[in-house]
PDB file of N, CA and C in Angstrom:
ATOM      1  N   MET A   1     -11.056  30.562 -12.474  1.00  0.00           N
ATOM      2  CA  MET A   1     -11.680  29.535 -11.704  1.00  0.00           C
ATOM      3  C   MET A   1     -10.817  29.310 -10.420  1.00  0.00           C
ATOM      4  N   ALA A   2     -11.533  29.054  -9.343  1.00  0.00           N
ATOM      5  CA  ALA A   2     -10.770  28.794  -8.089  1.00  0.00           C
ATOM      6  C   ALA A   2     -10.119  27.189  -8.227  1.00  0.00           C
ATOM      7  N   GLY A   3      -9.232  27.004  -7.292  1.00  0.00           N
ATOM      8  CA  GLY A   3      -8.561  25.859  -7.398  1.00  0.00           C
ATOM      9  C   GLY A   3      -9.339  24.611  -6.838  1.00  0.00           C
ATOM     10  N   THR A   4      -8.620  23.596  -6.323  1.00  0.00           N
ATOM     11  CA  THR A   4      -9.232  22.495  -5.668  1.00  0.00           C
ATOM     12  C   THR A   4      -9.723  22.836  -4.219  1.00  0.00           C
ATOM     13  N   ALA A   5     -11.070  22.556  -3.874  1.00  0.00           N
ATOM     14  CA  ALA A   5     -11.545  22.959  -2.579  1.00  0.00           C
ATOM     15  C   ALA A   5     -11.271  21.858  -1.606  1.00  0.00           C
ATOM     16  N   ASP A   6     -10.955  22.384  -0.389  1.00  0.00           N
ATOM     17  CA  ASP A   6     -10.792  21.373   0.777  1.00  0.00           C
ATOM     18  C   ASP A   6     -12.161  21.145   1.309  1.00  0.00           C
ATOM     19  N   LEU A   7     -12.619  19.799   1.062  1.00  0.00           N
ATOM     20  CA  LEU A   7     -13.970  19.513   1.479  1.00  0.00           C
ATOM     21  C   LEU A   7     -14.188  19.670   3.050  1.00  0.00           C
ATOM     22  N   ALA A   8     -13.197  19.360   3.733  1.00  0.00           N
ATOM     23  CA  ALA A   8     -13.277  19.435   5.269  1.00  0.00           C
ATOM     24  C   ALA A   8     -13.440  20.912   5.710  1.00  0.00           C
ATOM     25  N   ALA A   9     -13.156  21.934   4.889  1.00  0.00           N
ATOM     26  CA  ALA A   9     -13.272  23.367   5.215  1.00  0.00           C
ATOM     27  C   ALA A   9     -14.576  23.837   4.827  1.00  0.00           C
ATOM     28  N   LEU A  10     -15.275  23.244   3.830  1.00  0.00           N
ATOM     29  CA  LEU A  10     -16.558  23.745   3.320  1.00  0.00           C
ATOM     30  C   LEU A  10     -17.778  23.546   4.285  1.00  0.00           C
ATOM     31  N   SER A  11     -18.626  24.536   4.317  1.00  0.00           N
ATOM     32  CA  SER A  11     -19.770  24.560   5.283  1.00  0.00           C
ATOM     33  C   SER A  11     -21.072  24.799   4.410  1.00  0.00           C
ATOM     34  N   ILE A  12     -22.115  24.699   5.033  1.00  0.00           N
ATOM     35  CA  ILE A  12     -23.319  25.014   4.464  1.00  0.00           C
ATOM     36  C   ILE A  12     -23.427  26.454   3.910  1.00  0.00           C
ATOM     37  N   ASP A  13     -22.786  27.286   4.695  1.00  0.00           N
ATOM     38  CA  ASP A  13     -22.763  28.736   4.292  1.00  0.00           C
ATOM     39  C   ASP A  13     -21.911  28.886   2.900  1.00  0.00           C
ATOM     40  N   ASP A  14     -21.048  28.032   2.551  1.00  0.00           N
ATOM     41  CA  ASP A  14     -20.290  28.165   1.283  1.00  0.00           C
ATOM     42  C   ASP A  14     -21.301  27.762   0.106  1.00  0.00           C
ATOM     43  N   PHE A  15     -22.205  26.943   0.277  1.00  0.00           N
ATOM     44  CA  PHE A  15     -23.078  26.500  -0.677  1.00  0.00           C
ATOM     45  C   PHE A  15     -24.361  27.223  -0.847  1.00  0.00           C
ATOM     46  N   ALA A  16     -24.970  27.738   0.295  1.00  0.00           N
ATOM     47  CA  ALA A  16     -26.219  28.371   0.296  1.00  0.00           C
ATOM     48  C   ALA A  16     -26.261  29.565  -0.656  1.00  0.00           C
ATOM     49  N   PRO A  17     -25.296  30.342  -0.793  1.00  0.00           N
ATOM     50  CA  PRO A  17     -25.415  31.499  -1.652  1.00  0.00           C
ATOM     51  C   PRO A  17     -25.417  31.063  -3.266  1.00  0.00           C
ATOM     52  N   HIS A  18     -25.155  29.734  -3.470  1.00  0.00           N
ATOM     53  CA  HIS A  18     -25.121  29.199  -4.775  1.00  0.00           C
ATOM     54  C   HIS A  18     -26.321  28.295  -5.143  1.00  0.00           C
ATOM     55  N   LEU A  19     -27.413  28.472  -4.334  1.00  0.00           N
ATOM     56  CA  LEU A  19     -28.615  27.759  -4.620  1.00  0.00           C
ATOM     57  C   LEU A  19     -29.078  28.097  -6.041  1.00  0.00           C
ATOM     58  N   ASP A  20     -29.449  27.230  -6.846  1.00  0.00           N
ATOM     59  CA  ASP A  20     -29.964  27.515  -8.309  1.00  0.00           C
ATOM     60  C   ASP A  20     -28.707  27.772  -9.263  1.00  0.00           C
ATOM     61  N   ALA A  21     -27.523  27.639  -8.730  1.00  0.00           N
ATOM     62  CA  ALA A  21     -26.446  27.922  -9.617  1.00  0.00           C
ATOM     63  C   ALA A  21     -26.045  26.743 -10.454  1.00  0.00           C
ATOM     64  N   ALA A  22     -25.200  26.942 -11.519  1.00  0.00           N
ATOM     65  CA  ALA A  22     -24.719  25.876 -12.262  1.00  0.00           C
ATOM     66  C   ALA A  22     -23.389  25.309 -11.932  1.00  0.00           C
ATOM     67  N   PHE A  23     -23.385  23.995 -11.845  1.00  0.00           N
ATOM     68  CA  PHE A  23     -22.024  23.255 -11.456  1.00  0.00           C
ATOM     69  C   PHE A  23     -21.885  22.337 -12.729  1.00  0.00           C
ATOM     70  N   GLU A  24     -20.677  21.707 -12.638  1.00  0.00           N
ATOM     71  CA  GLU A  24     -20.350  20.803 -13.710  1.00  0.00           C
ATOM     72  C   GLU A  24     -19.711  19.609 -13.109  1.00  0.00           C
ATOM     73  N   MET A  25     -20.319  18.384 -13.505  1.00  0.00           N
ATOM     74  CA  MET A  25     -19.700  17.135 -12.970  1.00  0.00           C
ATOM     75  C   MET A  25     -19.006  16.449 -14.032  1.00  0.00           C
ATOM     76  N   GLN A  26     -17.765  15.998 -13.787  1.00  0.00           N
ATOM     77  CA  GLN A  26     -16.962  15.135 -14.795  1.00  0.00           C
ATOM     78  C   GLN A  26     -17.226  13.746 -14.545  1.00  0.00           C
ATOM     79  N   ALA A  27     -17.852  13.136 -15.612  1.00  0.00           N
ATOM     80  CA  ALA A  27     -18.039  11.756 -15.502  1.00  0.00           C
ATOM     81  C   ALA A  27     -17.293  11.014 -16.638  1.00  0.00           C
ATOM     82  N   ALA A  28     -17.238   9.675 -16.816  1.00  0.00           N
ATOM     83  CA  ALA A  28     -16.456   9.050 -17.858  1.00  0.00           C
ATOM     84  C   ALA A  28     -16.897   9.393 -19.201  1.00  0.00           C
ATOM     85  N   GLY A  29     -18.162   9.684 -19.319  1.00  0.00           N
ATOM     86  CA  GLY A  29     -18.694  10.089 -20.701  1.00  0.00           C
ATOM     87  C   GLY A  29     -18.469  11.612 -21.002  1.00  0.00           C
ATOM     88  N   GLY A  30     -18.087  12.350 -20.205  1.00  0.00           N
ATOM     89  CA  GLY A  30     -17.869  13.698 -20.445  1.00  0.00           C
ATOM     90  C   GLY A  30     -18.546  14.597 -19.314  1.00  0.00           C
ATOM     91  N   ALA A  31     -18.551  15.793 -19.549  1.00  0.00           N
ATOM     92  CA  ALA A  31     -19.076  16.748 -18.493  1.00  0.00           C
ATOM     93  C   ALA A  31     -20.697  16.727 -18.479  1.00  0.00           C
ATOM     94  N   VAL A  32     -21.169  16.699 -17.222  1.00  0.00           N
ATOM     95  CA  VAL A  32     -22.618  16.690 -16.980  1.00  0.00           C
ATOM     96  C   VAL A  32     -22.960  17.993 -16.268  1.00  0.00           C
ATOM     97  N   PRO A  33     -23.813  18.725 -16.798  1.00  0.00           N
ATOM     98  CA  PRO A  33     -24.327  20.005 -16.146  1.00  0.00           C
ATOM     99  C   PRO A  33     -25.170  19.707 -14.885  1.00  0.00           C
ATOM    100  N   LEU A  34     -24.933  20.309 -13.784  1.00  0.00           N
ATOM    101  CA  LEU A  34     -25.681  20.174 -12.563  1.00  0.00           C
ATOM    102  C   LEU A  34     -26.253  21.442 -12.170  1.00  0.00           C
ATOM    103  N   LYS A  35     -27.320  21.455 -11.523  1.00  0.00           N
ATOM    104  CA  LYS A  35     -27.876  22.712 -10.843  1.00  0.00           C
ATOM    105  C   LYS A  35     -28.116  22.297  -9.360  1.00  0.00           C
ATOM    106  N   LEU A  36     -27.625  23.196  -8.460  1.00  0.00           N
ATOM    107  CA  LEU A  36     -27.822  22.983  -7.111  1.00  0.00           C
ATOM    108  C   LEU A  36     -29.265  23.451  -6.710  1.00  0.00           C
ATOM    109  N   VAL A  37     -30.110  22.394  -6.303  1.00  0.00           N
ATOM    110  CA  VAL A  37     -31.543  22.869  -6.027  1.00  0.00           C
ATOM    111  C   VAL A  37     -31.938  22.830  -4.604  1.00  0.00           C
ATOM    112  N   LYS A  38     -31.010  22.235  -3.785  1.00  0.00           N
ATOM    113  CA  LYS A  38     -31.485  22.123  -2.428  1.00  0.00           C
ATOM    114  C   LYS A  38     -30.219  22.064  -1.391  1.00  0.00           C
ATOM    115  N   VAL A  39     -30.276  22.956  -0.432  1.00  0.00           N
ATOM    116  CA  VAL A  39     -29.166  23.043   0.622  1.00  0.00           C
ATOM    117  C   VAL A  39     -29.791  22.987   1.907  1.00  0.00           C
ATOM    118  N   ASP A  40     -29.658  21.874   2.677  1.00  0.00           N
ATOM    119  CA  ASP A  40     -30.301  21.685   4.030  1.00  0.00           C
ATOM    120  C   ASP A  40     -29.337  21.247   4.969  1.00  0.00           C
ATOM    121  N   PRO A  41     -29.512  21.832   6.228  1.00  0.00           N
ATOM    122  CA  PRO A  41     -28.732  21.363   7.411  1.00  0.00           C
ATOM    123  C   PRO A  41     -29.083  19.975   7.730  1.00  0.00           C
ATOM    124  N   ALA A  42     -28.188  19.118   8.263  1.00  0.00           N
ATOM    125  CA  ALA A  42     -28.490  17.813   8.581  1.00  0.00           C
ATOM    126  C   ALA A  42     -28.017  17.466  10.004  1.00  0.00           C
ATOM    127  N   GLY A  43     -28.128  18.394  10.886  1.00  0.00           N
ATOM    128  CA  GLY A  43     -27.872  18.165  12.276  1.00  0.00           C
ATOM    129  C   GLY A  43     -26.387  18.311  12.708  1.00  0.00           C
ATOM    130  N   ASN A  44     -26.115  18.031  13.969  1.00  0.00           N
ATOM    131  CA  ASN A  44     -24.827  18.173  14.567  1.00  0.00           C
ATOM    132  C   ASN A  44     -24.002  16.920  14.123  1.00  0.00           C
ATOM    133  N   SER A  45     -22.635  17.239  13.875  1.00  0.00           N
ATOM    134  CA  SER A  45     -21.680  16.110  13.640  1.00  0.00           C
ATOM    135  C   SER A  45     -20.421  16.507  14.228  1.00  0.00           C
ATOM    136  N   GLY A  46     -19.462  15.727  13.938  1.00  0.00           N
ATOM    137  CA  GLY A  46     -18.071  16.009  14.400  1.00  0.00           C
ATOM    138  C   GLY A  46     -17.423  17.137  13.561  1.00  0.00           C
ATOM    139  N   ARG A  47     -18.146  17.502  12.430  1.00  0.00           N
ATOM    140  CA  ARG A  47     -17.768  18.419  11.422  1.00  0.00           C
ATOM    141  C   ARG A  47     -17.900  19.749  11.964  1.00  0.00           C
ATOM    142  N   ALA A  48     -16.932  20.610  11.734  1.00  0.00           N
ATOM    143  CA  ALA A  48     -17.077  22.071  12.105  1.00  0.00           C
ATOM    144  C   ALA A  48     -18.213  22.595  11.362  1.00  0.00           C
ATOM    145  N   GLY A  49     -19.144  23.346  11.922  1.00  0.00           N
ATOM    146  CA  GLY A  49     -20.243  23.882  11.229  1.00  0.00           C
ATOM    147  C   GLY A  49     -21.459  22.977  11.071  1.00  0.00           C
ATOM    148  N   GLY A  50     -21.228  21.606  11.403  1.00  0.00           N
ATOM    149  CA  GLY A  50     -22.293  20.732  11.387  1.00  0.00           C
ATOM    150  C   GLY A  50     -22.428  20.037  10.028  1.00  0.00           C
ATOM    151  N   ALA A  51     -23.326  19.063  10.001  1.00  0.00           N
ATOM    152  CA  ALA A  51     -23.587  18.244   8.775  1.00  0.00           C
ATOM    153  C   ALA A  51     -24.627  19.044   7.905  1.00  0.00           C
ATOM    154  N   PHE A  52     -24.457  18.765   6.478  1.00  0.00           N
ATOM    155  CA  PHE A  52     -25.439  19.277   5.670  1.00  0.00           C
ATOM    156  C   PHE A  52     -25.622  18.337   4.432  1.00  0.00           C
ATOM    157  N   SER A  53     -26.706  18.633   3.722  1.00  0.00           N
ATOM    158  CA  SER A  53     -27.030  17.807   2.396  1.00  0.00           C
ATOM    159  C   SER A  53     -27.205  18.777   1.336  1.00  0.00           C
ATOM    160  N   LEU A  54     -26.676  18.373   0.198  1.00  0.00           N
ATOM    161  CA  LEU A  54     -26.929  19.020  -1.090  1.00  0.00           C
ATOM    162  C   LEU A  54     -27.685  18.129  -2.071  1.00  0.00           C
ATOM    163  N   ILE A  55     -28.608  18.787  -2.832  1.00  0.00           N
ATOM    164  CA  ILE A  55     -29.240  18.037  -3.859  1.00  0.00           C
ATOM    165  C   ILE A  55     -28.871  18.673  -5.205  1.00  0.00           C
ATOM    166  N   PHE A  56     -28.302  18.047  -6.068  1.00  0.00           N
ATOM    167  CA  PHE A  56     -28.113  18.548  -7.461  1.00  0.00           C
ATOM    168  C   PHE A  56     -29.015  17.896  -8.420  1.00  0.00           C
ATOM    169  N   VAL A  57     -29.401  18.567  -9.543  1.00  0.00           N
ATOM    170  CA  VAL A  57     -30.200  17.891 -10.557  1.00  0.00           C
ATOM    171  C   VAL A  57     -29.418  18.127 -11.916  1.00  0.00           C
ATOM    172  N   ALA A  58     -29.377  16.907 -12.600  1.00  0.00           N
ATOM    173  CA  ALA A  58     -28.797  16.772 -13.911  1.00  0.00           C
ATOM    174  C   ALA A  58     -29.999  16.622 -14.939  1.00  0.00           C
ATOM    175  N   PRO A  59     -29.696  16.802 -16.164  1.00  0.00           N
ATOM    176  CA  PRO A  59     -30.713  16.673 -17.249  1.00  0.00           C
ATOM    177  C   PRO A  59     -31.209  15.104 -17.226  1.00  0.00           C
ATOM    178  N   THR A  60     -32.392  14.781 -17.551  1.00  0.00           N
ATOM    179  CA  THR A  60     -32.841  13.520 -17.705  1.00  0.00           C
ATOM    180  C   THR A  60     -31.932  12.749 -18.655  1.00  0.00           C
ATOM    181  N   GLY A  61     -31.885  11.406 -18.335  1.00  0.00           N
ATOM    182  CA  GLY A  61     -31.030  10.596 -19.392  1.00  0.00           C
ATOM    183  C   GLY A  61     -30.548   9.418 -18.452  1.00  0.00           C
ATOM    184  N   PRO A  62     -29.641   8.690 -19.022  1.00  0.00           N
ATOM    185  CA  PRO A  62     -29.020   7.661 -18.169  1.00  0.00           C
ATOM    186  C   PRO A  62     -28.596   8.065 -16.835  1.00  0.00           C
ATOM    187  N   TRP A  63     -28.703   7.214 -15.819  1.00  0.00           N
ATOM    188  CA  TRP A  63     -28.319   7.505 -14.482  1.00  0.00           C
ATOM    189  C   TRP A  63     -26.809   7.122 -14.373  1.00  0.00           C
ATOM    190  N   LEU A  64     -26.047   7.965 -13.604  1.00  0.00           N
ATOM    191  CA  LEU A  64     -24.720   7.689 -13.217  1.00  0.00           C
ATOM    192  C   LEU A  64     -24.787   6.901 -11.867  1.00  0.00           C
ATOM    193  N   PRO A  65     -23.862   5.924 -11.735  1.00  0.00           N
ATOM    194  CA  PRO A  65     -23.811   5.221 -10.575  1.00  0.00           C
ATOM    195  C   PRO A  65     -23.238   6.110  -9.370  1.00  0.00           C
ATOM    196  N   GLN A  66     -23.543   5.628  -8.248  1.00  0.00           N
ATOM    197  CA  GLN A  66     -22.973   6.545  -6.980  1.00  0.00           C
ATOM    198  C   GLN A  66     -21.465   6.342  -7.026  1.00  0.00           C
ATOM    199  N   ALA A  67     -20.875   7.488  -6.881  1.00  0.00           N
ATOM    200  CA  ALA A  67     -19.348   7.519  -6.953  1.00  0.00           C
ATOM    201  C   ALA A  67     -18.863   8.708  -6.503  1.00  0.00           C
ATOM    202  N   ILE A  68     -17.539   8.928  -6.443  1.00  0.00           N
ATOM    203  CA  ILE A  68     -16.876  10.155  -6.148  1.00  0.00           C
ATOM    204  C   ILE A  68     -16.556  10.709  -7.610  1.00  0.00           C
ATOM    205  N   TYR A  69     -17.234  12.002  -7.879  1.00  0.00           N
ATOM    206  CA  TYR A  69     -17.071  12.729  -9.152  1.00  0.00           C
ATOM    207  C   TYR A  69     -16.404  14.057  -8.819  1.00  0.00           C
ATOM    208  N   PRO A  70     -15.580  14.548  -9.765  1.00  0.00           N
ATOM    209  CA  PRO A  70     -15.045  15.906  -9.709  1.00  0.00           C
ATOM    210  C   PRO A  70     -16.225  16.841 -10.032  1.00  0.00           C
ATOM    211  N   VAL A  71     -16.620  17.790  -9.129  1.00  0.00           N
ATOM    212  CA  VAL A  71     -17.670  18.718  -9.500  1.00  0.00           C
ATOM    213  C   VAL A  71     -17.038  20.137  -9.395  1.00  0.00           C
ATOM    214  N   GLN A  72     -17.291  20.880 -10.445  1.00  0.00           N
ATOM    215  CA  GLN A  72     -16.687  22.214 -10.532  1.00  0.00           C
ATOM    216  C   GLN A  72     -17.719  23.370 -10.455  1.00  0.00           C
ATOM    217  N   HIS A  73     -17.318  24.445  -9.715  1.00  0.00           N
ATOM    218  CA  HIS A  73     -18.067  25.644  -9.795  1.00  0.00           C
ATOM    219  C   HIS A  73     -17.040  26.807  -9.835  1.00  0.00           C
ATOM    220  N   PRO A  74     -17.388  27.896 -10.535  1.00  0.00           N
ATOM    221  CA  PRO A  74     -16.403  29.006 -10.683  1.00  0.00           C
ATOM    222  C   PRO A  74     -15.845  29.636  -9.408  1.00  0.00           C
ATOM    223  N   ALA A  75     -16.787  29.755  -8.428  1.00  0.00           N
ATOM    224  CA  ALA A  75     -16.400  30.294  -7.124  1.00  0.00           C
ATOM    225  C   ALA A  75     -15.817  29.281  -6.062  1.00  0.00           C
ATOM    226  N   LEU A  76     -16.502  28.126  -6.187  1.00  0.00           N
ATOM    227  CA  LEU A  76     -15.937  27.095  -5.110  1.00  0.00           C
ATOM    228  C   LEU A  76     -14.842  26.252  -5.625  1.00  0.00           C
ATOM    229  N   GLY A  77     -14.433  26.200  -6.825  1.00  0.00           N
ATOM    230  CA  GLY A  77     -13.447  25.408  -7.466  1.00  0.00           C
ATOM    231  C   GLY A  77     -13.864  24.008  -7.713  1.00  0.00           C
ATOM    232  N   THR A  78     -12.895  23.088  -7.677  1.00  0.00           N
ATOM    233  CA  THR A  78     -13.196  21.701  -8.037  1.00  0.00           C
ATOM    234  C   THR A  78     -13.202  20.909  -6.684  1.00  0.00           C
ATOM    235  N   MET A  79     -14.356  20.218  -6.544  1.00  0.00           N
ATOM    236  CA  MET A  79     -14.473  19.404  -5.350  1.00  0.00           C
ATOM    237  C   MET A  79     -14.687  17.971  -5.746  1.00  0.00           C
ATOM    238  N   GLU A  80     -14.078  16.987  -4.970  1.00  0.00           N
ATOM    239  CA  GLU A  80     -14.332  15.565  -5.256  1.00  0.00           C
ATOM    240  C   GLU A  80     -15.446  15.151  -4.331  1.00  0.00           C
ATOM    241  N   ILE A  81     -16.649  15.024  -4.914  1.00  0.00           N
ATOM    242  CA  ILE A  81     -17.842  14.779  -4.082  1.00  0.00           C
ATOM    243  C   ILE A  81     -18.404  13.367  -4.309  1.00  0.00           C
ATOM    244  N   PHE A  82     -18.743  12.699  -3.271  1.00  0.00           N
ATOM    245  CA  PHE A  82     -19.423  11.491  -3.414  1.00  0.00           C
ATOM    246  C   PHE A  82     -20.927  11.752  -3.534  1.00  0.00           C
ATOM    247  N   LEU A  83     -21.436  11.402  -4.716  1.00  0.00           N
ATOM    248  CA  LEU A  83     -22.751  11.647  -5.182  1.00  0.00           C
ATOM    249  C   LEU A  83     -23.518  10.455  -5.371  1.00  0.00           C
ATOM    250  N   VAL A  84     -24.821  10.408  -4.819  1.00  0.00           N
ATOM    251  CA  VAL A  84     -25.719   9.297  -4.809  1.00  0.00           C
ATOM    252  C   VAL A  84     -26.887   9.569  -5.567  1.00  0.00           C
ATOM    253  N   PRO A  85     -27.225   8.812  -6.596  1.00  0.00           N
ATOM    254  CA  PRO A  85     -28.562   9.054  -7.331  1.00  0.00           C
ATOM    255  C   PRO A  85     -29.731   8.956  -6.414  1.00  0.00           C
ATOM    256  N   VAL A  86     -30.660   9.789  -6.290  1.00  0.00           N
ATOM    257  CA  VAL A  86     -31.835   9.650  -5.397  1.00  0.00           C
ATOM    258  C   VAL A  86     -33.177   9.646  -6.190  1.00  0.00           C
ATOM    259  N   GLY A  87     -33.175   9.622  -7.441  1.00  0.00           N
ATOM    260  CA  GLY A  87     -34.405   9.472  -8.211  1.00  0.00           C
ATOM    261  C   GLY A  87     -34.724  10.678  -8.971  1.00  0.00           C
ATOM    262  N   PRO A  88     -35.798  10.707  -9.855  1.00  0.00           N
ATOM    263  CA  PRO A  88     -36.222  11.771 -10.615  1.00  0.00           C
ATOM    264  C   PRO A  88     -36.801  12.861  -9.719  1.00  0.00           C
ATOM    265  N   ALA A  89     -36.465  14.064  -9.846  1.00  0.00           N
ATOM    266  CA  ALA A  89     -37.015  15.169  -9.161  1.00  0.00           C
ATOM    267  C   ALA A  89     -36.458  16.459  -9.721  1.00  0.00           C
ATOM    268  N   PHE A  90     -37.203  17.421  -9.545  1.00  0.00           N
ATOM    269  CA  PHE A  90     -36.838  18.899 -10.005  1.00  0.00           C
ATOM    270  C   PHE A  90     -36.692  18.903 -11.486  1.00  0.00           C
ATOM    271  N   GLY A  91     -37.380  18.003 -12.261  1.00  0.00           N
ATOM    272  CA  GLY A  91     -37.338  18.003 -13.681  1.00  0.00           C
ATOM    273  C   GLY A  91     -36.014  17.277 -14.319  1.00  0.00           C
ATOM    274  N   GLY A  92     -35.533  16.426 -13.498  1.00  0.00           N
ATOM    275  CA  GLY A  92     -34.204  15.709 -14.062  1.00  0.00           C
ATOM    276  C   GLY A  92     -33.839  14.618 -13.064  1.00  0.00           C
ATOM    277  N   ASN A  93     -32.607  14.170 -13.270  1.00  0.00           N
ATOM    278  CA  ASN A  93     -32.069  13.233 -12.360  1.00  0.00           C
ATOM    279  C   ASN A  93     -31.331  13.847 -11.254  1.00  0.00           C
ATOM    280  N   SER A  94     -31.807  13.524  -9.939  1.00  0.00           N
ATOM    281  CA  SER A  94     -31.272  14.186  -8.814  1.00  0.00           C
ATOM    282  C   SER A  94     -30.236  13.288  -8.130  1.00  0.00           C
ATOM    283  N   TYR A  95     -29.242  13.988  -7.516  1.00  0.00           N
ATOM    284  CA  TYR A  95     -28.144  13.304  -6.984  1.00  0.00           C
ATOM    285  C   TYR A  95     -27.932  14.029  -5.557  1.00  0.00           C
ATOM    286  N   GLN A  96     -27.587  13.284  -4.511  1.00  0.00           N
ATOM    287  CA  GLN A  96     -27.391  13.792  -3.194  1.00  0.00           C
ATOM    288  C   GLN A  96     -25.907  13.746  -2.787  1.00  0.00           C
ATOM    289  N   ALA A  97     -25.367  14.773  -2.043  1.00  0.00           N
ATOM    290  CA  ALA A  97     -24.146  14.693  -1.398  1.00  0.00           C
ATOM    291  C   ALA A  97     -24.411  15.073   0.055  1.00  0.00           C
ATOM    292  N   ILE A  98     -23.792  14.271   1.003  1.00  0.00           N
ATOM    293  CA  ILE A  98     -23.936  14.620   2.370  1.00  0.00           C
ATOM    294  C   ILE A  98     -22.630  14.839   2.994  1.00  0.00           C
ATOM    295  N   PHE A  99     -22.482  15.978   3.622  1.00  0.00           N
ATOM    296  CA  PHE A  99     -21.329  16.269   4.323  1.00  0.00           C
ATOM    297  C   PHE A  99     -21.526  16.215   5.745  1.00  0.00           C
ATOM    298  N   ALA A 100     -20.934  15.144   6.440  1.00  0.00           N
ATOM    299  CA  ALA A 100     -21.122  14.765   7.840  1.00  0.00           C
ATOM    300  C   ALA A 100     -19.829  14.763   8.577  1.00  0.00           C
TER     301      ALA A 100
END
């Protein structure tokens, strides 16, 4: 597995190839499987490569509060991502991360 990812260095191009891939979020109650279901550009920003949005979906069940969670992926490594619950979608609980 890759190490800890530098969030400032990640771009939409790093995530786009992993659409529909499995990720894992570490929460207080244990590991939660996630699937990356949407990768969208979000306009220009002061960020190199521009802003972008990711939507992850977790299995249905209790919602986790918005917070910074360690999210792991075999190729991208571990990322500390601020995830916000955005409602039921894609057959589960969806969470959004915005890189701006």
